[in-house]
Amino acid sequence: MLRPAGKLCVADMTVDEDELPAEVLTHPAAWSGCTAGVSALIERDLVRKLGKAGPTEIEIVDRRP
């Protein structure tokens, strides 16, 4: 729970589905290693899920390849 105007910082690994070839997205080793979206979500899905939890102003401030 955050107080009003509180801030939450999340550091997580996300994937860009447009940058991964289909053979990676569907490869069993990629799925088990969190590269193809099991643990590593697509960024927009992460933002959507965070929004469902309550925050109303979600901002991505840094991305590193």
PDB file of N, CA and C in Angstrom:
ATOM      1  N   MET A   1       0.844  -1.155   0.000  1.00  0.00           N
ATOM      2  CA  MET A   1       0.000   0.000   0.000  1.00  0.00           C
ATOM      3  C   MET A   1       0.899   1.231   0.000  1.00  0.00           C
ATOM      4  N   LEU A   2       0.542   2.180  -0.809  1.00  0.00           N
ATOM      5  CA  LEU A   2       1.281   3.443  -0.880  1.00  0.00           C
ATOM      6  C   LEU A   2       0.431   4.560  -0.309  1.00  0.00           C
ATOM      7  N   ARG A   3       1.089   5.510   0.287  1.00  0.00           N
ATOM      8  CA  ARG A   3       0.349   6.703   0.722  1.00  0.00           C
ATOM      9  C   ARG A   3       0.005   7.526  -0.520  1.00  0.00           C
ATOM     10  N   PRO A   4      -0.919   8.451  -0.421  1.00  0.00           N
ATOM     11  CA  PRO A   4      -1.234   9.297  -1.578  1.00  0.00           C
ATOM     12  C   PRO A   4       0.026   9.969  -2.115  1.00  0.00           C
ATOM     13  N   ALA A   5       0.185   9.933  -3.410  1.00  0.00           N
ATOM     14  CA  ALA A   5       1.344  10.491  -4.116  1.00  0.00           C
ATOM     15  C   ALA A   5       2.631   9.722  -3.818  1.00  0.00           C
ATOM     16  N   GLY A   6       2.515   8.528  -3.219  1.00  0.00           N
ATOM     17  CA  GLY A   6       3.695   7.705  -2.977  1.00  0.00           C
ATOM     18  C   GLY A   6       4.247   7.166  -4.285  1.00  0.00           C
ATOM     19  N   LYS A   7       5.479   6.699  -4.242  1.00  0.00           N
ATOM     20  CA  LYS A   7       6.135   6.188  -5.447  1.00  0.00           C
ATOM     21  C   LYS A   7       6.577   4.751  -5.226  1.00  0.00           C
ATOM     22  N   LEU A   8       6.492   3.983  -6.283  1.00  0.00           N
ATOM     23  CA  LEU A   8       6.926   2.592  -6.293  1.00  0.00           C
ATOM     24  C   LEU A   8       7.930   2.439  -7.417  1.00  0.00           C
ATOM     25  N   CYS A   9       9.049   1.831  -7.123  1.00  0.00           N
ATOM     26  CA  CYS A   9      10.064   1.593  -8.141  1.00  0.00           C
ATOM     27  C   CYS A   9      10.130   0.090  -8.403  1.00  0.00           C
ATOM     28  N   VAL A  10      10.050  -0.273  -9.665  1.00  0.00           N
ATOM     29  CA  VAL A  10      10.131  -1.679 -10.063  1.00  0.00           C
ATOM     30  C   VAL A  10      11.270  -1.826 -11.052  1.00  0.00           C
ATOM     31  N   ALA A  11      12.129  -2.776 -10.812  1.00  0.00           N
ATOM     32  CA  ALA A  11      13.193  -3.105 -11.763  1.00  0.00           C
ATOM     33  C   ALA A  11      12.913  -4.527 -12.230  1.00  0.00           C
ATOM     34  N   ASP A  12      12.658  -4.684 -13.502  1.00  0.00           N
ATOM     35  CA  ASP A  12      12.313  -5.993 -14.020  1.00  0.00           C
ATOM     36  C   ASP A  12      12.801  -6.135 -15.445  1.00  0.00           C
ATOM     37  N   MET A  13      12.850  -7.356 -15.909  1.00  0.00           N
ATOM     38  CA  MET A  13      13.237  -7.627 -17.275  1.00  0.00           C
ATOM     39  C   MET A  13      11.974  -7.752 -18.116  1.00  0.00           C
ATOM     40  N   THR A  14      11.921  -7.009 -19.205  1.00  0.00           N
ATOM     41  CA  THR A  14      10.806  -7.135 -20.138  1.00  0.00           C
ATOM     42  C   THR A  14      11.370  -7.498 -21.504  1.00  0.00           C
ATOM     43  N   VAL A  15      10.484  -7.929 -22.372  1.00  0.00           N
ATOM     44  CA  VAL A  15      10.899  -8.263 -23.732  1.00  0.00           C
ATOM     45  C   VAL A  15      10.123  -7.412 -24.717  1.00  0.00           C
ATOM     46  N   ASP A  16      10.703  -7.211 -25.872  1.00  0.00           N
ATOM     47  CA  ASP A  16      10.044  -6.506 -26.955  1.00  0.00           C
ATOM     48  C   ASP A  16       9.662  -7.559 -27.987  1.00  0.00           C
ATOM     49  N   GLU A  17       8.385  -7.857 -28.072  1.00  0.00           N
ATOM     50  CA  GLU A  17       7.949  -8.936 -28.958  1.00  0.00           C
ATOM     51  C   GLU A  17       8.278  -8.670 -30.417  1.00  0.00           C
ATOM     52  N   ASP A  18       8.431  -7.399 -30.791  1.00  0.00           N
ATOM     53  CA  ASP A  18       8.756  -7.073 -32.174  1.00  0.00           C
ATOM     54  C   ASP A  18      10.221  -7.339 -32.506  1.00  0.00           C
ATOM     55  N   GLU A  19      11.062  -7.441 -31.481  1.00  0.00           N
ATOM     56  CA  GLU A  19      12.486  -7.654 -31.715  1.00  0.00           C
ATOM     57  C   GLU A  19      12.900  -9.112 -31.619  1.00  0.00           C
ATOM     58  N   LEU A  20      12.018  -9.957 -31.101  1.00  0.00           N
ATOM     59  CA  LEU A  20      12.359 -11.367 -30.971  1.00  0.00           C
ATOM     60  C   LEU A  20      11.780 -12.157 -32.142  1.00  0.00           C
ATOM     61  N   PRO A  21      12.611 -12.956 -32.798  1.00  0.00           N
ATOM     62  CA  PRO A  21      12.094 -13.784 -33.892  1.00  0.00           C
ATOM     63  C   PRO A  21      11.167 -14.880 -33.354  1.00  0.00           C
ATOM     64  N   ALA A  22      10.276 -15.343 -34.206  1.00  0.00           N
ATOM     65  CA  ALA A  22       9.298 -16.358 -33.811  1.00  0.00           C
ATOM     66  C   ALA A  22       9.962 -17.605 -33.237  1.00  0.00           C
ATOM     67  N   GLU A  23      11.118 -17.979 -33.779  1.00  0.00           N
ATOM     68  CA  GLU A  23      11.777 -19.188 -33.263  1.00  0.00           C
ATOM     69  C   GLU A  23      12.229 -19.027 -31.814  1.00  0.00           C
ATOM     70  N   VAL A  24      12.492 -17.805 -31.383  1.00  0.00           N
ATOM     71  CA  VAL A  24      12.831 -17.577 -29.974  1.00  0.00           C
ATOM     72  C   VAL A  24      11.562 -17.551 -29.142  1.00  0.00           C
ATOM     73  N   LEU A  25      10.534 -16.861 -29.625  1.00  0.00           N
ATOM     74  CA  LEU A  25       9.283 -16.764 -28.880  1.00  0.00           C
ATOM     75  C   LEU A  25       8.635 -18.118 -28.642  1.00  0.00           C
ATOM     76  N   THR A  26       8.876 -19.079 -29.518  1.00  0.00           N
ATOM     77  CA  THR A  26       8.224 -20.388 -29.388  1.00  0.00           C
ATOM     78  C   THR A  26       9.179 -21.491 -28.935  1.00  0.00           C
ATOM     79  N   HIS A  27      10.426 -21.180 -28.698  1.00  0.00           N
ATOM     80  CA  HIS A  27      11.403 -22.198 -28.312  1.00  0.00           C
ATOM     81  C   HIS A  27      11.246 -22.551 -26.831  1.00  0.00           C
ATOM     82  N   PRO A  28      11.157 -23.850 -26.488  1.00  0.00           N
ATOM     83  CA  PRO A  28      10.966 -24.258 -25.092  1.00  0.00           C
ATOM     84  C   PRO A  28      12.047 -23.727 -24.146  1.00  0.00           C
ATOM     85  N   ALA A  29      13.297 -23.688 -24.591  1.00  0.00           N
ATOM     86  CA  ALA A  29      14.371 -23.192 -23.710  1.00  0.00           C
ATOM     87  C   ALA A  29      14.194 -21.708 -23.412  1.00  0.00           C
ATOM     88  N   ALA A  30      13.692 -20.943 -24.376  1.00  0.00           N
ATOM     89  CA  ALA A  30      13.452 -19.524 -24.145  1.00  0.00           C
ATOM     90  C   ALA A  30      12.337 -19.339 -23.127  1.00  0.00           C
ATOM     91  N   TRP A  31      11.291 -20.154 -23.233  1.00  0.00           N
ATOM     92  CA  TRP A  31      10.186 -20.054 -22.273  1.00  0.00           C
ATOM     93  C   TRP A  31      10.654 -20.425 -20.876  1.00  0.00           C
ATOM     94  N   SER A  32      11.428 -21.478 -20.753  1.00  0.00           N
ATOM     95  CA  SER A  32      11.867 -21.894 -19.419  1.00  0.00           C
ATOM     96  C   SER A  32      12.915 -20.953 -18.857  1.00  0.00           C
ATOM     97  N   GLY A  33      13.588 -20.214 -19.723  1.00  0.00           N
ATOM     98  CA  GLY A  33      14.609 -19.283 -19.266  1.00  0.00           C
ATOM     99  C   GLY A  33      14.120 -17.858 -19.143  1.00  0.00           C
ATOM    100  N   CYS A  34      12.828 -17.625 -19.209  1.00  0.00           N
ATOM    101  CA  CYS A  34      12.134 -16.343 -19.032  1.00  0.00           C
ATOM    102  C   CYS A  34      12.417 -15.331 -20.129  1.00  0.00           C
ATOM    103  N   THR A  35      12.945 -15.748 -21.253  1.00  0.00           N
ATOM    104  CA  THR A  35      13.229 -14.803 -22.323  1.00  0.00           C
ATOM    105  C   THR A  35      12.001 -14.512 -23.164  1.00  0.00           C
ATOM    106  N   ALA A  36      11.127 -15.467 -23.338  1.00  0.00           N
ATOM    107  CA  ALA A  36      10.025 -15.312 -24.290  1.00  0.00           C
ATOM    108  C   ALA A  36       8.696 -14.959 -23.649  1.00  0.00           C
ATOM    109  N   GLY A  37       8.678 -14.444 -22.465  1.00  0.00           N
ATOM    110  CA  GLY A  37       7.428 -13.937 -21.931  1.00  0.00           C
ATOM    111  C   GLY A  37       6.814 -14.696 -20.776  1.00  0.00           C
ATOM    112  N   VAL A  38       7.500 -15.683 -20.205  1.00  0.00           N
ATOM    113  CA  VAL A  38       6.935 -16.365 -19.047  1.00  0.00           C
ATOM    114  C   VAL A  38       7.183 -15.511 -17.814  1.00  0.00           C
ATOM    115  N   SER A  39       8.416 -15.292 -17.474  1.00  0.00           N
ATOM    116  CA  SER A  39       8.745 -14.400 -16.366  1.00  0.00           C
ATOM    117  C   SER A  39       8.956 -12.989 -16.880  1.00  0.00           C
ATOM    118  N   ALA A  40       9.531 -12.866 -18.045  1.00  0.00           N
ATOM    119  CA  ALA A  40       9.758 -11.553 -18.648  1.00  0.00           C
ATOM    120  C   ALA A  40       8.538 -11.194 -19.473  1.00  0.00           C
ATOM    121  N   LEU A  41       7.813 -10.205 -19.021  1.00  0.00           N
ATOM    122  CA  LEU A  41       6.611  -9.777 -19.735  1.00  0.00           C
ATOM    123  C   LEU A  41       6.959  -8.797 -20.838  1.00  0.00           C
ATOM    124  N   ILE A  42       6.066  -8.683 -21.782  1.00  0.00           N
ATOM    125  CA  ILE A  42       6.153  -7.599 -22.755  1.00  0.00           C
ATOM    126  C   ILE A  42       5.872  -6.324 -21.977  1.00  0.00           C
ATOM    127  N   GLU A  43       6.618  -5.265 -22.248  1.00  0.00           N
ATOM    128  CA  GLU A  43       6.528  -4.045 -21.447  1.00  0.00           C
ATOM    129  C   GLU A  43       5.097  -3.531 -21.299  1.00  0.00           C
ATOM    130  N   ARG A  44       4.331  -3.502 -22.373  1.00  0.00           N
ATOM    131  CA  ARG A  44       2.962  -2.968 -22.266  1.00  0.00           C
ATOM    132  C   ARG A  44       2.098  -3.845 -21.360  1.00  0.00           C
ATOM    133  N   ASP A  45       2.374  -5.164 -21.310  1.00  0.00           N
ATOM    134  CA  ASP A  45       1.638  -6.050 -20.411  1.00  0.00           C
ATOM    135  C   ASP A  45       2.008  -5.772 -18.954  1.00  0.00           C
ATOM    136  N   LEU A  46       3.286  -5.513 -18.703  1.00  0.00           N
ATOM    137  CA  LEU A  46       3.716  -5.167 -17.357  1.00  0.00           C
ATOM    138  C   LEU A  46       3.023  -3.889 -16.889  1.00  0.00           C
ATOM    139  N   VAL A  47       2.989  -2.875 -17.749  1.00  0.00           N
ATOM    140  CA  VAL A  47       2.340  -1.609 -17.406  1.00  0.00           C
ATOM    141  C   VAL A  47       0.842  -1.831 -17.165  1.00  0.00           C
ATOM    142  N   ARG A  48       0.209  -2.632 -18.000  1.00  0.00           N
ATOM    143  CA  ARG A  48      -1.223  -2.916 -17.836  1.00  0.00           C
ATOM    144  C   ARG A  48      -1.497  -3.623 -16.515  1.00  0.00           C
ATOM    145  N   LYS A  49      -0.673  -4.604 -16.177  1.00  0.00           N
ATOM    146  CA  LYS A  49      -0.859  -5.338 -14.925  1.00  0.00           C
ATOM    147  C   LYS A  49      -0.610  -4.441 -13.707  1.00  0.00           C
ATOM    148  N   LEU A  50       0.399  -3.590 -13.787  1.00  0.00           N
ATOM    149  CA  LEU A  50       0.620  -2.646 -12.691  1.00  0.00           C
ATOM    150  C   LEU A  50      -0.583  -1.722 -12.535  1.00  0.00           C
ATOM    151  N   GLY A  51      -1.128  -1.249 -13.661  1.00  0.00           N
ATOM    152  CA  GLY A  51      -2.296  -0.375 -13.626  1.00  0.00           C
ATOM    153  C   GLY A  51      -3.506  -1.038 -12.999  1.00  0.00           C
ATOM    154  N   LYS A  52      -3.675  -2.335 -13.237  1.00  0.00           N
ATOM    155  CA  LYS A  52      -4.791  -3.065 -12.626  1.00  0.00           C
ATOM    156  C   LYS A  52      -4.646  -3.147 -11.112  1.00  0.00           C
ATOM    157  N   ALA A  53      -3.419  -3.046 -10.625  1.00  0.00           N
ATOM    158  CA  ALA A  53      -3.173  -3.105  -9.184  1.00  0.00           C
ATOM    159  C   ALA A  53      -3.478  -1.780  -8.496  1.00  0.00           C
ATOM    160  N   GLY A  54      -3.681  -0.712  -9.273  1.00  0.00           N
ATOM    161  CA  GLY A  54      -4.084   0.541  -8.666  1.00  0.00           C
ATOM    162  C   GLY A  54      -3.350   1.795  -9.079  1.00  0.00           C
ATOM    163  N   PRO A  55      -2.048   1.749  -9.354  1.00  0.00           N
ATOM    164  CA  PRO A  55      -1.381   2.998  -9.731  1.00  0.00           C
ATOM    165  C   PRO A  55      -2.027   3.633 -10.965  1.00  0.00           C
ATOM    166  N   THR A  56      -2.125   4.956 -10.954  1.00  0.00           N
ATOM    167  CA  THR A  56      -2.773   5.645 -12.065  1.00  0.00           C
ATOM    168  C   THR A  56      -1.782   6.365 -12.968  1.00  0.00           C
ATOM    169  N   GLU A  57      -0.604   6.649 -12.483  1.00  0.00           N
ATOM    170  CA  GLU A  57       0.411   7.327 -13.294  1.00  0.00           C
ATOM    171  C   GLU A  57       1.647   6.450 -13.358  1.00  0.00           C
ATOM    172  N   ILE A  58       1.730   5.645 -14.413  1.00  0.00           N
ATOM    173  CA  ILE A  58       2.854   4.724 -14.576  1.00  0.00           C
ATOM    174  C   ILE A  58       3.781   5.286 -15.632  1.00  0.00           C
ATOM    175  N   GLU A  59       5.044   5.402 -15.278  1.00  0.00           N
ATOM    176  CA  GLU A  59       6.031   5.976 -16.180  1.00  0.00           C
ATOM    177  C   GLU A  59       7.251   5.072 -16.255  1.00  0.00           C
ATOM    178  N   ILE A  60       7.675   4.754 -17.461  1.00  0.00           N
ATOM    179  CA  ILE A  60       8.918   4.006 -17.670  1.00  0.00           C
ATOM    180  C   ILE A  60      10.011   5.058 -17.819  1.00  0.00           C
ATOM    181  N   VAL A  61      10.967   5.063 -16.903  1.00  0.00           N
ATOM    182  CA  VAL A  61      11.983   6.122 -16.933  1.00  0.00           C
ATOM    183  C   VAL A  61      13.318   5.668 -17.497  1.00  0.00           C
ATOM    184  N   ASP A  62      13.532   4.368 -17.633  1.00  0.00           N
ATOM    185  CA  ASP A  62      14.818   3.899 -18.137  1.00  0.00           C
ATOM    186  C   ASP A  62      14.642   2.538 -18.789  1.00  0.00           C
ATOM    187  N   ARG A  63      15.289   2.356 -19.907  1.00  0.00           N
ATOM    188  CA  ARG A  63      15.336   1.064 -20.585  1.00  0.00           C
ATOM    189  C   ARG A  63      16.773   0.786 -20.959  1.00  0.00           C
ATOM    190  N   ARG A  64      17.184  -0.435 -20.752  1.00  0.00           N
ATOM    191  CA  ARG A  64      18.544  -0.815 -21.156  1.00  0.00           C
ATOM    192  C   ARG A  64      18.469  -2.127 -21.907  1.00  0.00           C
ATOM    193  N   PRO A  65      19.083  -2.163 -23.085  1.00  0.00           N
ATOM    194  CA  PRO A  65      19.041  -3.411 -23.887  1.00  0.00           C
ATOM    195  C   PRO A  65      19.873  -4.521 -23.249  1.00  0.00           C
TER     196      PRO A  65
END
